Protein backbone atom coordinates (compact mmCIF):
# COMPACT_ATOMS: atom_id res chain seq x y z
CA MET A 1 90.47 66.01 84.92
CA ASN A 2 89.60 69.15 82.97
CA ARG A 3 89.55 69.18 79.21
CA PRO A 4 92.09 71.54 77.56
CA ASP A 5 89.35 73.99 76.51
CA ASP A 6 88.07 74.14 80.09
CA HIS A 7 91.35 75.71 81.18
CA VAL A 8 90.40 79.03 79.53
CA VAL A 9 88.16 79.65 82.55
CA TYR A 10 91.10 79.17 84.91
CA GLU A 11 93.24 81.54 82.83
CA GLU A 12 90.62 84.25 83.40
CA LEU A 13 90.42 83.40 87.10
CA ALA A 14 94.23 83.61 87.34
CA ALA A 15 94.13 87.24 86.24
CA GLY A 16 91.34 88.04 88.68
CA HIS A 17 93.20 86.23 91.47
CA ALA A 18 96.32 88.35 90.89
CA LEU A 19 94.15 91.50 91.02
CA SER A 20 92.31 90.29 94.15
CA ALA A 21 89.11 90.80 92.16
CA LEU A 22 87.46 87.38 92.48
CA GLU A 23 84.27 86.67 94.35
CA PRO A 24 84.75 84.52 97.50
CA GLU A 25 83.35 81.43 95.76
CA GLU A 26 85.61 81.97 92.74
CA GLU A 27 88.64 82.57 94.97
CA GLN A 28 88.01 79.35 96.88
CA HIS A 29 87.47 77.32 93.71
CA PHE A 30 90.52 78.75 91.95
CA GLY A 31 92.72 78.47 95.06
CA ALA A 32 92.10 74.73 95.20
CA HIS A 33 92.92 74.39 91.51
CA LEU A 34 96.04 76.58 91.82
CA LEU A 35 97.70 74.23 94.29
CA THR A 36 97.90 71.42 91.73
CA CYS A 37 98.23 73.32 88.43
CA SER A 38 101.71 74.48 87.43
CA ARG A 39 100.26 76.31 84.43
CA CYS A 40 98.07 78.53 86.62
CA GLN A 41 100.92 79.00 89.12
CA ALA A 42 103.04 80.40 86.29
CA ASP A 43 100.16 82.62 85.08
CA VAL A 44 99.55 84.10 88.54
CA ALA A 45 103.27 84.71 89.07
CA GLU A 46 103.45 86.51 85.71
CA HIS A 47 100.37 88.64 86.45
CA SER A 48 101.70 89.56 89.90
CA ALA A 49 105.08 90.53 88.45
CA THR A 50 103.36 92.71 85.84
CA LEU A 51 101.37 94.53 88.54
CA ALA A 52 104.57 95.16 90.48
CA VAL A 53 106.26 96.64 87.39
CA LEU A 54 103.27 98.89 86.66
CA ALA A 55 103.28 100.20 90.20
CA ARG A 56 107.01 100.98 90.04
CA VAL A 57 106.95 102.87 86.76
CA VAL A 58 104.10 105.19 87.72
CA GLU A 59 105.44 108.25 89.49
CA PRO A 60 103.27 110.70 91.47
CA VAL A 61 101.57 112.92 88.91
CA GLU A 62 101.47 116.70 89.14
CA PRO A 63 98.26 117.93 87.47
CA PRO A 64 98.99 119.92 84.30
CA ALA A 65 98.49 123.68 84.60
CA SER A 66 95.92 123.53 81.81
CA VAL A 67 93.74 121.22 83.91
CA LEU A 68 93.73 123.62 86.87
CA GLU A 69 93.05 126.57 84.58
CA GLY A 70 90.15 124.70 83.05
CA ILE A 71 88.69 124.03 86.48
CA ARG A 72 89.01 127.67 87.50
CA ALA A 73 87.47 128.81 84.23
CA GLY A 74 84.46 126.60 84.82
CA LEU A 75 83.74 128.02 88.27
CA PRO A 76 81.45 131.05 88.70
CA ARG A 77 83.25 134.30 89.55
CA ALA A 78 83.25 135.00 93.28
CA ASP A 79 83.36 138.81 92.77
CA SER A 80 80.24 139.01 90.65
CA SER A 81 77.43 141.06 92.19
CA PRO A 82 73.93 142.24 91.26
CA SER A 83 75.35 145.70 90.45
CA GLU A 84 77.13 144.25 87.43
CA ALA A 85 73.92 143.01 85.94
CA ALA A 86 72.18 145.04 83.28
CA PRO A 87 69.74 147.65 84.71
CA ALA A 88 66.19 146.44 84.82
CA SER A 89 63.75 148.10 82.48
CA THR A 90 60.78 150.04 83.79
CA PRO A 91 57.93 147.68 84.55
CA GLY A 92 55.17 147.82 82.02
CA PRO A 93 52.29 145.79 80.82
CA ALA A 94 53.22 142.16 80.38
CA GLN A 95 53.69 141.34 76.74
CA PRO A 96 54.23 137.91 75.23
CA GLU A 97 57.88 137.44 74.33
CA VAL A 98 58.36 136.74 70.67
CA ARG A 99 61.49 134.85 69.62
CA SER A 100 62.51 133.46 66.31
CA LEU A 101 63.26 129.76 65.87
CA ALA A 102 66.92 130.62 65.32
CA ASP A 103 67.04 132.62 68.58
CA ALA A 104 65.54 129.75 70.57
CA ARG A 105 67.99 127.31 69.05
CA SER A 106 70.90 129.63 69.87
CA ARG A 107 69.83 129.95 73.53
CA ARG A 108 69.46 126.19 73.83
CA GLU A 109 72.93 125.64 72.39
CA ARG A 110 74.40 128.16 74.84
CA ARG A 111 72.78 126.38 77.78
CA SER A 112 74.03 123.04 76.46
CA GLY A 113 77.55 124.40 76.05
CA SER A 114 77.53 125.77 79.60
CA ALA A 115 76.41 122.40 80.96
CA ARG A 116 79.19 120.65 79.05
CA ARG A 117 81.75 123.06 80.50
CA TRP A 118 80.53 122.36 84.03
CA ILE A 119 80.60 118.62 83.42
CA GLY A 120 84.11 118.90 81.99
CA ALA A 121 85.28 120.94 84.98
CA ALA A 122 83.81 118.42 87.39
CA ALA A 123 85.45 115.54 85.52
CA ALA A 124 88.81 117.33 85.53
CA ALA A 125 88.52 117.94 89.27
CA ALA A 126 87.75 114.26 89.81
CA VAL A 127 90.82 113.30 87.78
CA VAL A 128 93.08 115.62 89.79
CA LEU A 129 91.75 114.35 93.11
CA GLY A 130 91.96 110.74 91.97
CA LEU A 131 95.54 110.84 90.71
CA GLY A 132 97.04 111.01 94.18
CA GLY A 133 94.94 108.16 95.52
CA TRP A 134 95.63 106.10 92.41
CA ASN A 135 99.39 106.41 92.90
CA LEU A 136 99.13 105.45 96.56
CA ALA A 137 96.97 102.46 95.67
CA LEU A 138 99.48 101.33 93.05
CA GLN A 139 102.36 101.59 95.50
CA ALA A 140 100.45 99.51 98.05
CA ARG A 141 99.57 97.03 95.31
CA GLU A 142 103.26 96.77 94.38
CA GLN A 143 104.23 95.86 97.92
CA GLU A 144 101.41 93.34 98.23
CA ALA A 145 102.20 91.83 94.83
CA GLN A 146 105.88 91.53 95.76
CA ARG A 147 105.07 89.69 98.99
CA TYR A 148 102.58 87.44 97.21
CA GLY A 149 105.04 86.79 94.38
CA ASP A 150 107.73 85.78 96.87
CA ARG A 151 105.39 83.34 98.61
CA LEU A 152 104.18 81.94 95.31
CA ALA A 153 107.75 81.43 94.09
CA VAL A 154 108.58 79.44 97.22
CA ALA A 155 105.37 77.42 96.79
CA VAL A 156 106.18 76.56 93.18
CA ARG A 157 109.75 75.64 94.13
CA GLU A 158 108.55 73.32 96.89
CA LEU A 159 105.89 71.65 94.73
CA SER A 160 108.26 71.09 91.82
CA SER A 161 111.36 70.00 93.74
CA PRO A 162 112.84 66.67 92.52
CA GLY A 163 112.16 63.62 94.66
CA ALA A 164 109.32 65.24 96.60
CA ARG A 165 105.88 63.69 97.06
CA ASP A 166 102.90 66.02 97.00
CA VAL A 167 99.96 65.03 99.20
CA PRO A 168 96.88 67.24 98.62
CA LEU A 169 94.93 67.84 101.84
CA THR A 170 91.20 68.36 101.30
CA SER A 171 88.51 69.72 103.60
CA ASP A 172 85.17 68.07 104.27
CA ASP A 173 83.80 70.06 101.32
CA GLY A 174 86.33 68.44 99.00
CA ASP A 175 88.39 71.62 98.53
CA VAL A 176 92.18 71.37 98.54
CA VAL A 177 93.27 73.79 101.27
CA ALA A 178 96.91 72.67 101.58
CA VAL A 179 99.51 70.34 100.10
CA ALA A 180 102.03 68.42 102.20
CA VAL A 181 105.33 68.20 100.32
CA VAL A 182 107.30 65.22 101.66
CA ARG A 183 111.00 64.80 101.00
CA ASP A 184 112.48 61.95 103.08
CA LEU A 185 112.02 63.09 106.70
CA GLU A 186 111.41 66.72 105.79
CA VAL A 187 107.91 68.06 105.27
CA ALA A 188 106.73 71.43 103.95
CA VAL A 189 103.13 72.61 103.79
CA VAL A 190 101.84 74.82 100.97
CA VAL A 191 98.71 76.52 102.32
CA ASP A 192 95.99 78.18 100.27
CA GLY A 193 92.52 78.04 101.78
CA LEU A 194 92.94 77.90 105.55
CA ALA A 195 91.57 80.88 107.44
CA PRO A 196 94.10 82.97 109.39
CA ASN A 197 94.27 81.77 113.00
CA ASP A 198 94.31 84.06 116.03
CA ASP A 199 96.96 84.32 118.76
CA ALA A 200 95.19 81.78 120.96
CA THR A 201 95.30 78.93 118.45
CA THR A 202 97.68 77.20 116.07
CA TYR A 203 97.41 74.79 113.17
CA VAL A 204 99.04 71.38 113.56
CA LEU A 205 100.10 68.94 110.83
CA TRP A 206 99.76 65.29 111.89
CA ALA A 207 101.20 62.10 110.39
CA GLN A 208 99.04 58.97 110.58
CA ASP A 209 100.30 55.40 110.22
CA GLY A 210 98.51 52.32 108.98
CA ALA A 211 97.23 51.47 112.46
CA GLY A 212 95.55 54.87 112.80
CA ALA A 213 98.02 56.29 115.33
CA VAL A 214 98.88 59.96 114.82
CA SER A 215 101.93 62.02 115.78
CA ALA A 216 102.49 65.74 115.42
CA VAL A 217 104.73 66.80 112.55
CA GLY A 218 104.70 70.45 113.59
CA ALA A 219 102.65 73.53 114.44
CA PHE A 220 102.27 76.55 112.17
CA ASP A 221 100.30 79.78 111.84
CA VAL A 222 98.42 81.22 108.88
CA ASP A 223 98.69 85.01 108.73
CA GLU A 224 96.94 85.71 105.43
CA GLN A 225 94.28 83.89 103.44
CA GLN A 226 96.59 83.50 100.45
CA VAL A 227 99.30 81.14 99.29
CA ASP A 228 101.89 80.59 101.98
CA VAL A 229 104.58 77.99 102.63
CA VAL A 230 105.54 76.44 105.97
CA THR A 231 108.96 74.79 106.00
CA GLY A 232 111.16 73.15 108.62
CA LEU A 233 108.70 70.41 109.64
CA GLY A 234 109.77 66.79 109.97
CA VAL A 235 108.44 63.27 110.44
CA ASP A 236 109.64 61.27 113.44
CA GLY A 237 110.54 57.66 112.71
CA ASP A 238 110.11 55.85 109.41
CA PRO A 239 108.51 58.12 106.77
CA GLY A 240 107.50 55.01 104.86
CA SER A 241 105.03 54.12 107.62
CA VAL A 242 103.03 57.31 107.10
CA THR A 243 99.77 56.62 105.27
CA ALA A 244 98.06 60.00 105.63
CA PHE A 245 98.53 63.59 106.77
CA LEU A 246 95.96 65.59 108.74
CA ILE A 247 95.57 69.25 109.74
CA SER A 248 93.74 70.42 112.86
CA GLU A 249 93.41 73.72 114.70
CA GLU A 250 94.43 73.50 118.35
CA GLN A 251 94.41 75.78 121.38
CA GLY A 252 97.73 77.27 122.42
CA GLU A 253 100.98 77.78 120.54
CA GLN A 254 102.35 74.22 120.72
CA ALA A 255 101.18 70.95 119.21
CA PRO A 256 99.40 68.76 121.79
CA ALA A 257 100.04 65.05 122.17
CA GLN A 258 96.80 64.21 120.34
CA PRO A 259 94.34 66.20 118.19
CA GLY A 260 91.66 67.98 120.20
CA GLY A 261 88.99 67.48 117.56
CA PRO A 262 88.27 66.21 114.06
CA PRO A 263 90.74 67.24 111.33
CA LEU A 264 90.03 70.24 109.12
CA ALA A 265 91.77 68.62 106.16
CA SER A 266 93.37 65.29 105.33
CA GLY A 267 95.01 63.40 102.50
CA GLU A 268 96.34 59.91 101.91
CA VAL A 269 99.97 59.41 100.93
């Protein structure tokens, strides 16, 4: 069990998780912790809701006229030609050019000022071009955050429902990739860590009794590698005889009579 001061790390990971900014190892580690930590579930839900609000309040931005004028002012004139330049003096013997210290400093400052204007114009152009993409990204983030927030709300409701038993299901690596939520004969699965399956396969939740016999509780798909909730599953027979739950990935769309291979995750009741 983590000490209270250790939870600061998970608070930081919760923010990164909501922003989809974690490294794969961090995402896997935090995802396993999230399934069993109501504090982090609340933090992620709050961060996701904040992102959704930010995306809604930002309207598409029309660049100010002053920005466009500044960009145009920084660009060289297209109608300039050599005829506008000062007439060249008659060639003569080369003489060393003599400048005062003040003149040299003045020329250097003019060159520096010109460079700053070009840099400013380039930065302004980047801002104008980026505003449109930024708004589109925020709108997409709002939709994603809303979907994720809905799934997370269902997950929290399932995990915290009165009278339910939560059975964490761990992989061979020891990571919690799902939680079976058992309520009498009804079973829900909160998934966070299973890879999305393709159209040719399906995940199956199995119930195992004390003698080692298994029976299929139900088949389900994982569309996204994020928190999701599968409901509507049920245990046949006496739920009190179930000693463990298992998850396997099987060929086809239906649960077979028996698992086709070793389980991907399991947990004792």
